């Protein structure tokens, strides 16, 4: 899709794998059983988290990147994968 000019963003919790396969825009999610949710949060807080995640993905889609780049909900772009130090 990227080669056809359609930007993509991958929401995932295994960021290192997404970087290795060359996903251009990576949006970090939370956990393996609930990547886009958090059952430990109350209903309103979980809705806010999910909205932040969607907003982050939309921001990522609008961002020009040259290499795998990690985005985090509630924050600006984190880092390009090449040469970056990820926590």
Protein backbone atom coordinates (compact mmCIF):
# COMPACT_ATOMS: atom_id res chain seq x y z
CA UNK A 1 0.00 0.00 0.00
CA UNK A 2 2.85 2.36 0.82
CA UNK A 3 4.34 1.85 -2.66
CA UNK A 4 0.96 2.82 -4.11
CA UNK A 5 1.05 6.06 -2.10
CA UNK A 6 -1.35 4.98 0.63
CA UNK A 7 0.17 5.55 4.10
CA UNK A 8 -0.13 2.76 6.65
CA UNK A 9 0.23 2.55 10.43
CA UNK A 10 0.64 -0.67 12.38
CA UNK A 11 -0.81 -0.76 15.89
CA UNK A 12 1.13 -3.37 17.83
CA UNK A 13 2.78 -4.22 21.12
CA UNK A 14 5.76 -6.08 19.62
CA UNK A 15 7.51 -2.97 18.34
CA UNK A 16 10.91 -4.59 17.79
CA UNK A 17 9.39 -7.08 15.35
CA UNK A 18 7.51 -4.35 13.50
CA UNK A 19 10.77 -2.40 13.17
CA UNK A 20 12.63 -5.44 11.86
CA UNK A 21 10.05 -6.11 9.16
CA UNK A 22 10.14 -2.46 8.14
CA UNK A 23 6.68 -1.22 9.09
CA UNK A 24 6.88 2.50 8.29
CA UNK A 25 4.67 3.84 11.10
CA UNK A 26 4.37 1.88 14.32
CA UNK A 27 1.90 2.84 17.03
CA UNK A 28 2.80 1.21 20.34
CA UNK A 29 -0.14 -0.49 22.08
CA UNK A 30 -0.31 -1.90 25.60
CA UNK A 31 -0.35 -5.63 26.22
CA UNK A 32 -0.56 -8.90 24.37
CA UNK A 33 -4.05 -9.98 25.51
CA UNK A 34 -5.59 -6.48 25.09
CA UNK A 35 -3.42 -4.46 22.68
CA UNK A 36 -5.99 -1.72 22.10
CA UNK A 37 -7.66 -1.78 25.49
CA UNK A 38 -6.90 -1.96 29.19
CA UNK A 39 -9.40 -3.84 31.36
CA UNK A 40 -7.70 -2.51 34.50
CA UNK A 41 -9.04 0.97 33.71
CA UNK A 42 -12.54 2.18 34.48
CA UNK A 43 -14.85 2.59 31.48
CA UNK A 44 -14.22 6.32 30.97
CA UNK A 45 -10.45 6.00 31.29
CA UNK A 46 -10.39 3.12 28.82
CA UNK A 47 -12.44 5.16 26.33
CA UNK A 48 -9.93 8.00 26.68
CA UNK A 49 -7.01 5.56 26.14
CA UNK A 50 -8.61 4.13 23.02
CA UNK A 51 -9.31 7.63 21.67
CA UNK A 52 -5.67 8.60 22.26
CA UNK A 53 -4.60 5.47 20.39
CA UNK A 54 -6.81 6.28 17.39
CA UNK A 55 -5.69 9.93 17.40
CA UNK A 56 -2.07 8.78 17.48
CA UNK A 57 -2.63 6.43 14.54
CA UNK A 58 -4.27 9.24 12.56
CA UNK A 59 -1.34 11.53 13.34
CA UNK A 60 1.07 8.79 12.26
CA UNK A 61 -0.75 8.41 8.94
CA UNK A 62 -0.28 12.11 8.28
CA UNK A 63 3.44 12.05 9.09
CA UNK A 64 6.01 11.58 6.33
CA UNK A 65 8.60 9.00 7.37
CA UNK A 66 11.71 7.61 5.68
CA UNK A 67 12.28 4.61 7.97
CA UNK A 68 10.36 2.70 10.65
CA UNK A 69 9.12 5.26 13.15
CA UNK A 70 7.49 4.59 16.51
CA UNK A 71 4.55 6.68 17.75
CA UNK A 72 3.05 6.58 21.25
CA UNK A 73 -0.45 7.61 22.21
CA UNK A 74 -0.46 10.90 24.08
CA UNK A 75 3.04 11.81 22.85
CA UNK A 76 4.67 13.16 19.73
CA UNK A 77 6.68 10.88 17.47
CA UNK A 78 9.08 8.86 19.60
CA UNK A 79 11.99 7.97 17.34
CA UNK A 80 13.08 6.62 14.02
CA UNK A 81 14.16 3.00 14.40
CA UNK A 82 17.60 3.38 12.86
CA UNK A 83 20.04 4.41 15.54
CA UNK A 84 17.36 5.13 18.12
CA UNK A 85 17.48 3.91 21.70
CA UNK A 86 14.11 2.33 22.55
CA UNK A 87 13.02 1.54 26.08
